[in-house]
Amino acid sequence: MKKLIVASMLIFATMAFADGKKLTVKIDGMTCPSCAASVENQFEKLDAVDSVDISLTKGTATVTLKEGKDLKEDDVKNAVKNAGFKAIEISGLN
């Protein structure tokens, strides 16, 4: 019974502190760790961004936004452009 209560508490705590909205950005030409670091650095400069997860194998950046924050499509495209790449697909925007 104690395990069930503890598990329930952990689930509730996870839900209470759930991450914000997530965007997935398909990026053309991102092939190495240095590329990934450049993209991550540009996204982290944006106030609305909580975290960035780069997948070189998929060529994507998963951007988690801070609670209550949002990004415009141009903000996303400019962050990728400033890193030296092109955003070819963005999902998760309003």
C-alpha atoms as a PDB file:
ATOM      1  CA  MET A   1       0.000   0.000   0.000  1.00  0.00           C
ATOM      2  CA  LYS A   2       2.857   2.386   0.812  1.00  0.00           C
ATOM      3  CA  LYS A   3       4.355   1.821  -2.636  1.00  0.00           C
ATOM      4  CA  LEU A   4       1.043   2.735  -4.244  1.00  0.00           C
ATOM      5  CA  ILE A   5       0.811   5.944  -2.242  1.00  0.00           C
ATOM      6  CA  VAL A   6       4.399   6.912  -3.077  1.00  0.00           C
ATOM      7  CA  ALA A   7       3.835   6.132  -6.769  1.00  0.00           C
ATOM      8  CA  SER A   8       0.672   8.241  -6.775  1.00  0.00           C
ATOM      9  CA  MET A   9       2.520  11.132  -5.157  1.00  0.00           C
ATOM     10  CA  LEU A  10       5.297  10.938  -7.752  1.00  0.00           C
ATOM     11  CA  ILE A  11       2.799  10.956 -10.615  1.00  0.00           C
ATOM     12  CA  PHE A  12       0.995  13.950  -9.134  1.00  0.00           C
ATOM     13  CA  ALA A  13       4.266  15.822  -8.616  1.00  0.00           C
ATOM     14  CA  THR A  14       5.303  15.108 -12.195  1.00  0.00           C
ATOM     15  CA  MET A  15       1.994  16.434 -13.487  1.00  0.00           C
ATOM     16  CA  ALA A  16       2.205  19.535 -11.289  1.00  0.00           C
ATOM     17  CA  PHE A  17       5.650  20.406 -12.652  1.00  0.00           C
ATOM     18  CA  ALA A  18       5.082  19.279 -16.234  1.00  0.00           C
ATOM     19  CA  ASP A  19       7.197  20.864 -18.909  1.00  0.00           C
ATOM     20  CA  GLY A  20       5.809  23.614 -21.056  1.00  0.00           C
ATOM     21  CA  LYS A  21       4.840  23.324 -24.674  1.00  0.00           C
ATOM     22  CA  LYS A  22       7.251  21.520 -27.009  1.00  0.00           C
ATOM     23  CA  LEU A  23       8.167  22.444 -30.561  1.00  0.00           C
ATOM     24  CA  THR A  24       9.978  20.173 -32.971  1.00  0.00           C
ATOM     25  CA  VAL A  25      12.100  21.819 -35.638  1.00  0.00           C
ATOM     26  CA  LYS A  26      13.496  19.857 -38.594  1.00  0.00           C
ATOM     27  CA  ILE A  27      16.806  21.481 -39.525  1.00  0.00           C
ATOM     28  CA  ASP A  28      18.609  21.176 -42.850  1.00  0.00           C
ATOM     29  CA  GLY A  29      22.375  20.573 -42.743  1.00  0.00           C
ATOM     30  CA  MET A  30      22.910  19.952 -39.028  1.00  0.00           C
ATOM     31  CA  THR A  31      25.431  17.084 -39.023  1.00  0.00           C
ATOM     32  CA  CYS A  32      27.941  17.383 -36.169  1.00  0.00           C
ATOM     33  CA  PRO A  33      28.150  18.190 -32.460  1.00  0.00           C
ATOM     34  CA  SER A  34      29.388  21.699 -33.250  1.00  0.00           C
ATOM     35  CA  CYS A  35      26.301  22.247 -35.440  1.00  0.00           C
ATOM     36  CA  ALA A  36      24.081  21.047 -32.603  1.00  0.00           C
ATOM     37  CA  ALA A  37      25.809  23.344 -30.107  1.00  0.00           C
ATOM     38  CA  SER A  38      25.302  26.340 -32.400  1.00  0.00           C
ATOM     39  CA  VAL A  39      21.581  25.650 -32.756  1.00  0.00           C
ATOM     40  CA  GLU A  40      21.172  25.000 -29.034  1.00  0.00           C
ATOM     41  CA  ASN A  41      23.016  28.223 -28.188  1.00  0.00           C
ATOM     42  CA  GLN A  42      20.746  30.313 -30.430  1.00  0.00           C
ATOM     43  CA  PHE A  43      17.554  28.844 -28.965  1.00  0.00           C
ATOM     44  CA  GLU A  44      18.797  29.310 -25.402  1.00  0.00           C
ATOM     45  CA  LYS A  45      19.148  33.049 -26.080  1.00  0.00           C
ATOM     46  CA  LEU A  46      15.351  33.280 -26.462  1.00  0.00           C
ATOM     47  CA  ASP A  47      13.512  34.232 -23.266  1.00  0.00           C
ATOM     48  CA  ALA A  48      10.640  31.794 -23.913  1.00  0.00           C
ATOM     49  CA  VAL A  49      12.904  28.732 -24.177  1.00  0.00           C
ATOM     50  CA  ASP A  50      13.309  26.461 -21.166  1.00  0.00           C
ATOM     51  CA  SER A  51      15.419  23.721 -22.775  1.00  0.00           C
ATOM     52  CA  VAL A  52      16.603  22.347 -26.109  1.00  0.00           C
ATOM     53  CA  ASP A  53      17.232  18.727 -27.073  1.00  0.00           C
ATOM     54  CA  ILE A  54      19.119  18.153 -30.325  1.00  0.00           C
ATOM     55  CA  SER A  55      18.984  14.905 -32.301  1.00  0.00           C
ATOM     56  CA  LEU A  56      21.682  14.770 -34.945  1.00  0.00           C
ATOM     57  CA  THR A  57      20.391  11.429 -36.241  1.00  0.00           C
ATOM     58  CA  LYS A  58      16.937  12.912 -36.869  1.00  0.00           C
ATOM     59  CA  GLY A  59      18.197  16.394 -37.735  1.00  0.00           C
ATOM     60  CA  THR A  60      15.814  17.961 -35.226  1.00  0.00           C
ATOM     61  CA  ALA A  61      15.695  20.304 -32.282  1.00  0.00           C
ATOM     62  CA  THR A  62      13.006  19.737 -29.672  1.00  0.00           C
ATOM     63  CA  VAL A  63      12.435  23.040 -27.921  1.00  0.00           C
ATOM     64  CA  THR A  64      10.610  23.107 -24.597  1.00  0.00           C
ATOM     65  CA  LEU A  65       9.061  26.453 -23.760  1.00  0.00           C
ATOM     66  CA  LYS A  66       8.668  27.965 -20.323  1.00  0.00           C
ATOM     67  CA  GLU A  67       5.170  27.737 -18.866  1.00  0.00           C
ATOM     68  CA  GLY A  68       2.905  30.396 -20.334  1.00  0.00           C
ATOM     69  CA  LYS A  69       5.448  31.391 -22.992  1.00  0.00           C
ATOM     70  CA  ASP A  70       5.189  31.069 -26.756  1.00  0.00           C
ATOM     71  CA  LEU A  71       7.335  31.630 -29.823  1.00  0.00           C
ATOM     72  CA  LYS A  72       6.437  32.976 -33.234  1.00  0.00           C
ATOM     73  CA  GLU A  73       7.417  31.087 -36.360  1.00  0.00           C
ATOM     74  CA  ASP A  74       9.834  33.881 -37.308  1.00  0.00           C
ATOM     75  CA  ASP A  75      11.572  33.580 -33.907  1.00  0.00           C
ATOM     76  CA  VAL A  76      12.185  29.880 -34.522  1.00  0.00           C
ATOM     77  CA  LYS A  77      13.365  30.384 -38.105  1.00  0.00           C
ATOM     78  CA  ASN A  78      15.681  33.237 -37.081  1.00  0.00           C
ATOM     79  CA  ALA A  79      17.261  31.208 -34.274  1.00  0.00           C
ATOM     80  CA  VAL A  80      18.057  28.416 -36.723  1.00  0.00           C
ATOM     81  CA  LYS A  81      19.242  30.901 -39.367  1.00  0.00           C
ATOM     82  CA  ASN A  82      21.513  32.654 -36.848  1.00  0.00           C
ATOM     83  CA  ALA A  83      23.123  29.268 -36.157  1.00  0.00           C
ATOM     84  CA  GLY A  84      23.852  28.959 -39.881  1.00  0.00           C
ATOM     85  CA  PHE A  85      21.077  26.557 -40.892  1.00  0.00           C
ATOM     86  CA  LYS A  86      17.566  26.481 -42.308  1.00  0.00           C
ATOM     87  CA  ALA A  87      14.399  25.346 -40.516  1.00  0.00           C
ATOM     88  CA  ILE A  88      12.535  23.173 -43.015  1.00  0.00           C
ATOM     89  CA  GLU A  89       9.630  22.090 -40.808  1.00  0.00           C
ATOM     90  CA  ILE A  90       8.227  23.320 -37.506  1.00  0.00           C
ATOM     91  CA  SER A  91       5.590  21.434 -35.538  1.00  0.00           C
ATOM     92  CA  GLY A  92       3.930  22.409 -32.286  1.00  0.00           C
ATOM     93  CA  LEU A  93       3.322  26.079 -33.001  1.00  0.00           C
ATOM     94  CA  ASN A  94      -0.180  27.486 -32.420  1.00  0.00           C
END
